[in-house]
């Protein structure tokens, strides 16, 4: 029988957990407060073509939180600038 190395799938070994993976929480994603009040320089779509924000609109807390919940916060940040 050949010598096996590593862990088998589903055994819970270190291969099942990536120590370099980032946690999916606010500590990494960031808080929405810094972008509230910024102005959109272009349209940002949510999904399926629905607009998250349109060019010229000001980012509100509701818009920023919706972007965060949809995984579109980075796109929103990139599309805005400070007033």
PDB file of N, CA and C in Angstrom:
ATOM      1  N   UNK A   1       0.849  -1.186   0.000  1.00  0.00           N
ATOM      2  CA  UNK A   1       0.000   0.000   0.000  1.00  0.00           C
ATOM      3  C   UNK A   1       0.890   1.242   0.000  1.00  0.00           C
ATOM      4  N   UNK A   2       0.679   2.161  -0.940  1.00  0.00           N
ATOM      5  CA  UNK A   2       1.503   3.371  -0.989  1.00  0.00           C
ATOM      6  C   UNK A   2       1.225   4.275   0.205  1.00  0.00           C
ATOM      7  N   UNK A   3       2.246   5.041   0.578  1.00  0.00           N
ATOM      8  CA  UNK A   3       2.115   5.982   1.687  1.00  0.00           C
ATOM      9  C   UNK A   3       1.292   7.185   1.231  1.00  0.00           C
ATOM     10  N   UNK A   4       0.246   7.535   1.985  1.00  0.00           N
ATOM     11  CA  UNK A   4      -0.609   8.672   1.641  1.00  0.00           C
ATOM     12  C   UNK A   4      -0.155   9.901   2.406  1.00  0.00           C
ATOM     13  N   UNK A   5      -0.207  11.048   1.752  1.00  0.00           N
ATOM     14  CA  UNK A   5       0.125  12.304   2.414  1.00  0.00           C
ATOM     15  C   UNK A   5      -1.083  13.216   2.374  1.00  0.00           C
ATOM     16  N   UNK A   6      -1.092  14.193   3.218  1.00  0.00           N
ATOM     17  CA  UNK A   6      -2.212  15.134   3.252  1.00  0.00           C
ATOM     18  C   UNK A   6      -3.400  14.569   3.998  1.00  0.00           C
ATOM     19  N   UNK A   7      -4.510  15.240   3.876  1.00  0.00           N
ATOM     20  CA  UNK A   7      -5.734  14.793   4.536  1.00  0.00           C
ATOM     21  C   UNK A   7      -6.782  14.496   3.495  1.00  0.00           C
ATOM     22  N   UNK A   8      -7.644  13.614   3.806  1.00  0.00           N
ATOM     23  CA  UNK A   8      -8.735  13.283   2.898  1.00  0.00           C
ATOM     24  C   UNK A   8      -9.819  14.352   2.995  1.00  0.00           C
ATOM     25  N   UNK A   9     -10.551  14.502   1.938  1.00  0.00           N
ATOM     26  CA  UNK A   9     -11.641  15.482   1.920  1.00  0.00           C
ATOM     27  C   UNK A   9     -12.654  15.155   2.997  1.00  0.00           C
ATOM     28  N   UNK A  10     -13.085  16.176   3.703  1.00  0.00           N
ATOM     29  CA  UNK A  10     -14.114  15.991   4.721  1.00  0.00           C
ATOM     30  C   UNK A  10     -13.600  15.520   6.060  1.00  0.00           C
ATOM     31  N   UNK A  11     -12.280  15.453   6.222  1.00  0.00           N
ATOM     32  CA  UNK A  11     -11.757  14.983   7.499  1.00  0.00           C
ATOM     33  C   UNK A  11     -11.497  16.112   8.473  1.00  0.00           C
ATOM     34  N   UNK A  12     -11.659  17.337   8.021  1.00  0.00           N
ATOM     35  CA  UNK A  12     -11.479  18.469   8.926  1.00  0.00           C
ATOM     36  C   UNK A  12     -10.038  18.844   9.142  1.00  0.00           C
ATOM     37  N   UNK A  13      -9.143  18.392   8.300  1.00  0.00           N
ATOM     38  CA  UNK A  13      -7.736  18.744   8.410  1.00  0.00           C
ATOM     39  C   UNK A  13      -7.508  20.194   8.055  1.00  0.00           C
ATOM     40  N   UNK A  14      -6.245  20.603   8.095  1.00  0.00           N
ATOM     41  CA  UNK A  14      -5.946  22.006   7.806  1.00  0.00           C
ATOM     42  C   UNK A  14      -6.282  22.375   6.372  1.00  0.00           C
ATOM     43  N   UNK A  15      -6.368  21.381   5.495  1.00  0.00           N
ATOM     44  CA  UNK A  15      -6.742  21.682   4.116  1.00  0.00           C
ATOM     45  C   UNK A  15      -8.166  22.223   4.035  1.00  0.00           C
ATOM     46  N   UNK A  16      -8.985  21.908   5.025  1.00  0.00           N
ATOM     47  CA  UNK A  16     -10.369  22.363   5.024  1.00  0.00           C
ATOM     48  C   UNK A  16     -10.491  23.816   5.460  1.00  0.00           C
ATOM     49  N   UNK A  17      -9.441  24.338   6.098  1.00  0.00           N
ATOM     50  CA  UNK A  17      -9.471  25.718   6.566  1.00  0.00           C
ATOM     51  C   UNK A  17      -8.260  26.442   6.021  1.00  0.00           C
ATOM     52  N   UNK A  18      -8.477  27.551   5.374  1.00  0.00           N
ATOM     53  CA  UNK A  18      -7.395  28.351   4.835  1.00  0.00           C
ATOM     54  C   UNK A  18      -7.052  29.425   5.852  1.00  0.00           C
ATOM     55  N   UNK A  19      -5.840  29.354   6.395  1.00  0.00           N
ATOM     56  CA  UNK A  19      -5.458  30.314   7.429  1.00  0.00           C
ATOM     57  C   UNK A  19      -5.307  31.720   6.870  1.00  0.00           C
ATOM     58  N   UNK A  20      -5.198  31.855   5.549  1.00  0.00           N
ATOM     59  CA  UNK A  20      -5.080  33.174   4.935  1.00  0.00           C
ATOM     60  C   UNK A  20      -6.423  33.765   4.542  1.00  0.00           C
ATOM     61  N   UNK A  21      -7.495  33.014   4.708  1.00  0.00           N
ATOM     62  CA  UNK A  21      -8.823  33.497   4.330  1.00  0.00           C
ATOM     63  C   UNK A  21      -9.248  34.631   5.249  1.00  0.00           C
ATOM     64  N   UNK A  22      -9.915  35.612   4.685  1.00  0.00           N
ATOM     65  CA  UNK A  22     -10.393  36.741   5.469  1.00  0.00           C
ATOM     66  C   UNK A  22     -11.783  36.444   6.008  1.00  0.00           C
ATOM     67  N   UNK A  23     -12.034  36.792   7.257  1.00  0.00           N
ATOM     68  CA  UNK A  23     -13.382  36.584   7.783  1.00  0.00           C
ATOM     69  C   UNK A  23     -14.365  37.502   7.076  1.00  0.00           C
ATOM     70  N   UNK A  24     -15.593  37.053   6.940  1.00  0.00           N
ATOM     71  CA  UNK A  24     -16.623  37.841   6.268  1.00  0.00           C
ATOM     72  C   UNK A  24     -17.421  38.596   7.320  1.00  0.00           C
ATOM     73  N   UNK A  25     -16.825  39.650   7.841  1.00  0.00           N
ATOM     74  CA  UNK A  25     -17.517  40.453   8.840  1.00  0.00           C
ATOM     75  C   UNK A  25     -17.134  41.917   8.667  1.00  0.00           C
ATOM     76  N   UNK A  26     -17.714  42.774   9.475  1.00  0.00           N
ATOM     77  CA  UNK A  26     -17.484  44.213   9.348  1.00  0.00           C
ATOM     78  C   UNK A  26     -16.044  44.621   9.603  1.00  0.00           C
ATOM     79  N   UNK A  27     -15.264  43.820  10.357  1.00  0.00           N
ATOM     80  CA  UNK A  27     -13.898  44.208  10.653  1.00  0.00           C
ATOM     81  C   UNK A  27     -13.048  44.229   9.393  1.00  0.00           C
ATOM     82  N   UNK A  28     -13.409  43.449   8.395  1.00  0.00           N
ATOM     83  CA  UNK A  28     -12.656  43.419   7.152  1.00  0.00           C
ATOM     84  C   UNK A  28     -13.345  44.248   6.084  1.00  0.00           C
ATOM     85  N   UNK A  29     -14.631  44.102   5.950  1.00  0.00           N
ATOM     86  CA  UNK A  29     -15.378  44.800   4.912  1.00  0.00           C
ATOM     87  C   UNK A  29     -15.377  46.297   5.176  1.00  0.00           C
ATOM     88  N   UNK A  30     -15.463  46.692   6.413  1.00  0.00           N
ATOM     89  CA  UNK A  30     -15.456  48.095   6.758  1.00  0.00           C
ATOM     90  C   UNK A  30     -16.831  48.585   7.148  1.00  0.00           C
ATOM     91  N   UNK A  31     -16.838  49.769   7.661  1.00  0.00           N
ATOM     92  CA  UNK A  31     -18.100  50.371   8.070  1.00  0.00           C
ATOM     93  C   UNK A  31     -18.578  51.300   6.971  1.00  0.00           C
ATOM     94  N   UNK A  32     -19.849  51.561   6.959  1.00  0.00           N
ATOM     95  CA  UNK A  32     -20.429  52.370   5.890  1.00  0.00           C
ATOM     96  C   UNK A  32     -20.342  53.868   6.159  1.00  0.00           C
ATOM     97  N   UNK A  33     -20.072  54.269   7.381  1.00  0.00           N
ATOM     98  CA  UNK A  33     -20.095  55.694   7.728  1.00  0.00           C
ATOM     99  C   UNK A  33     -19.205  56.571   6.849  1.00  0.00           C
ATOM    100  N   UNK A  34     -17.984  56.149   6.507  1.00  0.00           N
ATOM    101  CA  UNK A  34     -17.126  57.050   5.718  1.00  0.00           C
ATOM    102  C   UNK A  34     -17.657  57.407   4.332  1.00  0.00           C
ATOM    103  N   UNK A  35     -18.549  56.615   3.763  1.00  0.00           N
ATOM    104  CA  UNK A  35     -19.025  56.939   2.413  1.00  0.00           C
ATOM    105  C   UNK A  35     -20.367  57.650   2.401  1.00  0.00           C
ATOM    106  N   UNK A  36     -21.006  57.766   3.555  1.00  0.00           N
ATOM    107  CA  UNK A  36     -22.280  58.485   3.620  1.00  0.00           C
ATOM    108  C   UNK A  36     -22.022  59.955   3.293  1.00  0.00           C
ATOM    109  N   UNK A  37     -22.804  60.492   2.381  1.00  0.00           N
ATOM    110  CA  UNK A  37     -22.643  61.881   1.964  1.00  0.00           C
ATOM    111  C   UNK A  37     -21.806  62.048   0.708  1.00  0.00           C
ATOM    112  N   UNK A  38     -21.147  60.984   0.266  1.00  0.00           N
ATOM    113  CA  UNK A  38     -20.382  61.060  -0.974  1.00  0.00           C
ATOM    114  C   UNK A  38     -21.341  61.086  -2.159  1.00  0.00           C
ATOM    115  N   UNK A  39     -20.867  61.577  -3.291  1.00  0.00           N
ATOM    116  CA  UNK A  39     -21.705  61.728  -4.483  1.00  0.00           C
ATOM    117  C   UNK A  39     -21.276  60.711  -5.540  1.00  0.00           C
ATOM    118  N   UNK A  40     -22.255  60.011  -6.095  1.00  0.00           N
ATOM    119  CA  UNK A  40     -21.980  59.010  -7.128  1.00  0.00           C
ATOM    120  C   UNK A  40     -21.540  59.695  -8.417  1.00  0.00           C
ATOM    121  N   UNK A  41     -20.426  59.256  -8.972  1.00  0.00           N
ATOM    122  CA  UNK A  41     -19.912  59.790 -10.232  1.00  0.00           C
ATOM    123  C   UNK A  41     -20.375  58.967 -11.428  1.00  0.00           C
ATOM    124  N   UNK A  42     -20.993  57.818 -11.138  1.00  0.00           N
ATOM    125  CA  UNK A  42     -21.563  56.961 -12.177  1.00  0.00           C
ATOM    126  C   UNK A  42     -22.633  56.094 -11.541  1.00  0.00           C
ATOM    127  N   UNK A  43     -23.459  55.495 -12.353  1.00  0.00           N
ATOM    128  CA  UNK A  43     -24.478  54.573 -11.853  1.00  0.00           C
ATOM    129  C   UNK A  43     -23.810  53.317 -11.309  1.00  0.00           C
ATOM    130  N   UNK A  44     -24.371  52.763 -10.245  1.00  0.00           N
ATOM    131  CA  UNK A  44     -23.943  51.471  -9.715  1.00  0.00           C
ATOM    132  C   UNK A  44     -25.174  50.581  -9.689  1.00  0.00           C
ATOM    133  N   UNK A  45     -25.060  49.435 -10.327  1.00  0.00           N
ATOM    134  CA  UNK A  45     -26.170  48.492 -10.383  1.00  0.00           C
ATOM    135  C   UNK A  45     -26.091  47.540  -9.198  1.00  0.00           C
ATOM    136  N   UNK A  46     -27.245  47.161  -8.693  1.00  0.00           N
ATOM    137  CA  UNK A  46     -27.299  46.106  -7.677  1.00  0.00           C
ATOM    138  C   UNK A  46     -27.146  44.809  -8.456  1.00  0.00           C
ATOM    139  N   UNK A  47     -28.198  44.082  -8.636  1.00  0.00           N
ATOM    140  CA  UNK A  47     -28.183  42.874  -9.457  1.00  0.00           C
ATOM    141  C   UNK A  47     -29.396  42.889 -10.363  1.00  0.00           C
ATOM    142  N   UNK A  48     -29.315  42.181 -11.445  1.00  0.00           N
ATOM    143  CA  UNK A  48     -30.407  42.074 -12.410  1.00  0.00           C
ATOM    144  C   UNK A  48     -30.790  43.425 -12.989  1.00  0.00           C
ATOM    145  N   UNK A  49     -29.824  44.355 -13.051  1.00  0.00           N
ATOM    146  CA  UNK A  49     -30.063  45.641 -13.669  1.00  0.00           C
ATOM    147  C   UNK A  49     -30.741  46.684 -12.801  1.00  0.00           C
ATOM    148  N   UNK A  50     -31.070  46.339 -11.577  1.00  0.00           N
ATOM    149  CA  UNK A  50     -31.699  47.313 -10.691  1.00  0.00           C
ATOM    150  C   UNK A  50     -30.646  48.282 -10.181  1.00  0.00           C
ATOM    151  N   UNK A  51     -30.942  49.589 -10.207  1.00  0.00           N
ATOM    152  CA  UNK A  51     -29.941  50.559  -9.759  1.00  0.00           C
ATOM    153  C   UNK A  51     -29.802  50.576  -8.239  1.00  0.00           C
ATOM    154  N   UNK A  52     -28.562  50.611  -7.804  1.00  0.00           N
ATOM    155  CA  UNK A  52     -28.278  50.807  -6.390  1.00  0.00           C
ATOM    156  C   UNK A  52     -28.223  52.307  -6.120  1.00  0.00           C
ATOM    157  N   UNK A  53     -27.556  53.017  -7.029  1.00  0.00           N
ATOM    158  CA  UNK A  53     -27.471  54.478  -6.960  1.00  0.00           C
ATOM    159  C   UNK A  53     -27.219  54.992  -8.375  1.00  0.00           C
ATOM    160  N   UNK A  54     -27.699  56.190  -8.643  1.00  0.00           N
ATOM    161  CA  UNK A  54     -27.513  56.790  -9.972  1.00  0.00           C
ATOM    162  C   UNK A  54     -26.522  57.953  -9.878  1.00  0.00           C
ATOM    163  N   UNK A  55     -25.886  58.241 -10.990  1.00  0.00           N
ATOM    164  CA  UNK A  55     -24.921  59.333 -11.059  1.00  0.00           C
ATOM    165  C   UNK A  55     -25.550  60.617 -10.527  1.00  0.00           C
ATOM    166  N   UNK A  56     -24.809  61.296  -9.647  1.00  0.00           N
ATOM    167  CA  UNK A  56     -25.272  62.559  -9.084  1.00  0.00           C
ATOM    168  C   UNK A  56     -25.997  62.428  -7.759  1.00  0.00           C
ATOM    169  N   UNK A  57     -26.428  61.223  -7.409  1.00  0.00           N
ATOM    170  CA  UNK A  57     -27.126  61.026  -6.134  1.00  0.00           C
ATOM    171  C   UNK A  57     -26.120  60.960  -4.988  1.00  0.00           C
ATOM    172  N   UNK A  58     -26.585  61.350  -3.809  1.00  0.00           N
ATOM    173  CA  UNK A  58     -25.766  61.305  -2.607  1.00  0.00           C
ATOM    174  C   UNK A  58     -26.000  59.987  -1.878  1.00  0.00           C
ATOM    175  N   UNK A  59     -24.912  59.394  -1.404  1.00  0.00           N
ATOM    176  CA  UNK A  59     -25.001  58.116  -0.688  1.00  0.00           C
ATOM    177  C   UNK A  59     -25.625  58.345   0.681  1.00  0.00           C
ATOM    178  N   UNK A  60     -26.686  57.621   0.957  1.00  0.00           N
ATOM    179  CA  UNK A  60     -27.333  57.654   2.270  1.00  0.00           C
ATOM    180  C   UNK A  60     -26.916  56.413   3.050  1.00  0.00           C
ATOM    181  N   UNK A  61     -27.221  56.405   4.334  1.00  0.00           N
ATOM    182  CA  UNK A  61     -26.932  55.225   5.151  1.00  0.00           C
ATOM    183  C   UNK A  61     -27.647  54.007   4.573  1.00  0.00           C
ATOM    184  N   UNK A  62     -28.892  54.191   4.168  1.00  0.00           N
ATOM    185  CA  UNK A  62     -29.672  53.079   3.610  1.00  0.00           C
ATOM    186  C   UNK A  62     -29.004  52.511   2.357  1.00  0.00           C
ATOM    187  N   UNK A  63     -28.546  53.393   1.468  1.00  0.00           N
ATOM    188  CA  UNK A  63     -27.888  52.945   0.242  1.00  0.00           C
ATOM    189  C   UNK A  63     -26.588  52.213   0.561  1.00  0.00           C
ATOM    190  N   UNK A  64     -25.796  52.756   1.473  1.00  0.00           N
ATOM    191  CA  UNK A  64     -24.523  52.135   1.840  1.00  0.00           C
ATOM    192  C   UNK A  64     -24.735  50.768   2.484  1.00  0.00           C
ATOM    193  N   UNK A  65     -25.720  50.664   3.365  1.00  0.00           N
ATOM    194  CA  UNK A  65     -25.997  49.379   4.014  1.00  0.00           C
ATOM    195  C   UNK A  65     -26.531  48.366   3.006  1.00  0.00           C
ATOM    196  N   UNK A  66     -27.343  48.817   2.066  1.00  0.00           N
ATOM    197  CA  UNK A  66     -27.851  47.919   1.023  1.00  0.00           C
ATOM    198  C   UNK A  66     -26.683  47.412   0.168  1.00  0.00           C
ATOM    199  N   UNK A  67     -25.763  48.311  -0.177  1.00  0.00           N
ATOM    200  CA  UNK A  67     -24.588  47.914  -0.956  1.00  0.00           C
ATOM    201  C   UNK A  67     -23.759  46.884  -0.196  1.00  0.00           C
ATOM    202  N   UNK A  68     -23.592  47.102   1.093  1.00  0.00           N
ATOM    203  CA  UNK A  68     -22.832  46.159   1.912  1.00  0.00           C
ATOM    204  C   UNK A  68     -23.525  44.800   1.949  1.00  0.00           C
ATOM    205  N   UNK A  69     -24.828  44.799   2.137  1.00  0.00           N
ATOM    206  CA  UNK A  69     -25.582  43.543   2.202  1.00  0.00           C
ATOM    207  C   UNK A  69     -25.564  42.791   0.874  1.00  0.00           C
ATOM    208  N   UNK A  70     -25.479  43.518  -0.236  1.00  0.00           N
ATOM    209  CA  UNK A  70     -25.461  42.898  -1.559  1.00  0.00           C
ATOM    210  C   UNK A  70     -24.053  42.553  -2.037  1.00  0.00           C
ATOM    211  N   UNK A  71     -23.059  42.888  -1.225  1.00  0.00           N
ATOM    212  CA  UNK A  71     -21.684  42.636  -1.638  1.00  0.00           C
ATOM    213  C   UNK A  71     -21.192  43.617  -2.690  1.00  0.00           C
ATOM    214  N   UNK A  72     -21.773  44.809  -2.732  1.00  0.00           N
ATOM    215  CA  UNK A  72     -21.428  45.821  -3.738  1.00  0.00           C
ATOM    216  C   UNK A  72     -20.806  47.069  -3.109  1.00  0.00           C
ATOM    217  N   UNK A  73     -20.356  46.970  -1.857  1.00  0.00           N
ATOM    218  CA  UNK A  73     -19.817  48.137  -1.162  1.00  0.00           C
ATOM    219  C   UNK A  73     -18.568  48.681  -1.854  1.00  0.00           C
ATOM    220  N   UNK A  74     -17.668  47.809  -2.278  1.00  0.00           N
ATOM    221  CA  UNK A  74     -16.453  48.282  -2.940  1.00  0.00           C
ATOM    222  C   UNK A  74     -16.771  48.993  -4.250  1.00  0.00           C
ATOM    223  N   UNK A  75     -17.754  48.491  -4.986  1.00  0.00           N
ATOM    224  CA  UNK A  75     -18.166  49.146  -6.225  1.00  0.00           C
ATOM    225  C   UNK A  75     -18.752  50.525  -5.939  1.00  0.00           C
ATOM    226  N   UNK A  76     -19.517  50.625  -4.852  1.00  0.00           N
ATOM    227  CA  UNK A  76     -20.096  51.912  -4.470  1.00  0.00           C
ATOM    228  C   UNK A  76     -19.000  52.899  -4.086  1.00  0.00           C
ATOM    229  N   UNK A  77     -18.035  52.448  -3.319  1.00  0.00           N
ATOM    230  CA  UNK A  77     -16.925  53.321  -2.919  1.00  0.00           C
ATOM    231  C   UNK A  77     -16.174  53.817  -4.153  1.00  0.00           C
ATOM    232  N   UNK A  78     -15.897  52.898  -5.075  1.00  0.00           N
ATOM    233  CA  UNK A  78     -15.142  53.261  -6.281  1.00  0.00           C
ATOM    234  C   UNK A  78     -15.894  54.245  -7.171  1.00  0.00           C
ATOM    235  N   UNK A  79     -17.205  54.251  -7.093  1.00  0.00           N
ATOM    236  CA  UNK A  79     -18.018  55.108  -7.963  1.00  0.00           C
ATOM    237  C   UNK A  79     -18.335  56.460  -7.342  1.00  0.00           C
ATOM    238  N   UNK A  80     -17.841  56.720  -6.149  1.00  0.00           N
ATOM    239  CA  UNK A  80     -18.192  57.968  -5.467  1.00  0.00           C
ATOM    240  C   UNK A  80     -16.958  58.806  -5.172  1.00  0.00           C
ATOM    241  N   UNK A  81     -17.212  60.074  -4.905  1.00  0.00           N
ATOM    242  CA  UNK A  81     -16.145  60.954  -4.435  1.00  0.00           C
ATOM    243  C   UNK A  81     -16.726  61.889  -3.395  1.00  0.00           C
ATOM    244  N   UNK A  82     -15.830  62.431  -2.580  1.00  0.00           N
ATOM    245  CA  UNK A  82     -16.290  63.324  -1.520  1.00  0.00           C
ATOM    246  C   UNK A  82     -16.842  64.600  -2.133  1.00  0.00           C
ATOM    247  N   UNK A  83     -17.876  65.179  -1.498  1.00  0.00           N
ATOM    248  CA  UNK A  83     -18.486  66.405  -2.052  1.00  0.00           C
ATOM    249  C   UNK A  83     -17.543  67.596  -1.983  1.00  0.00           C
TER     250      UNK A  83
END
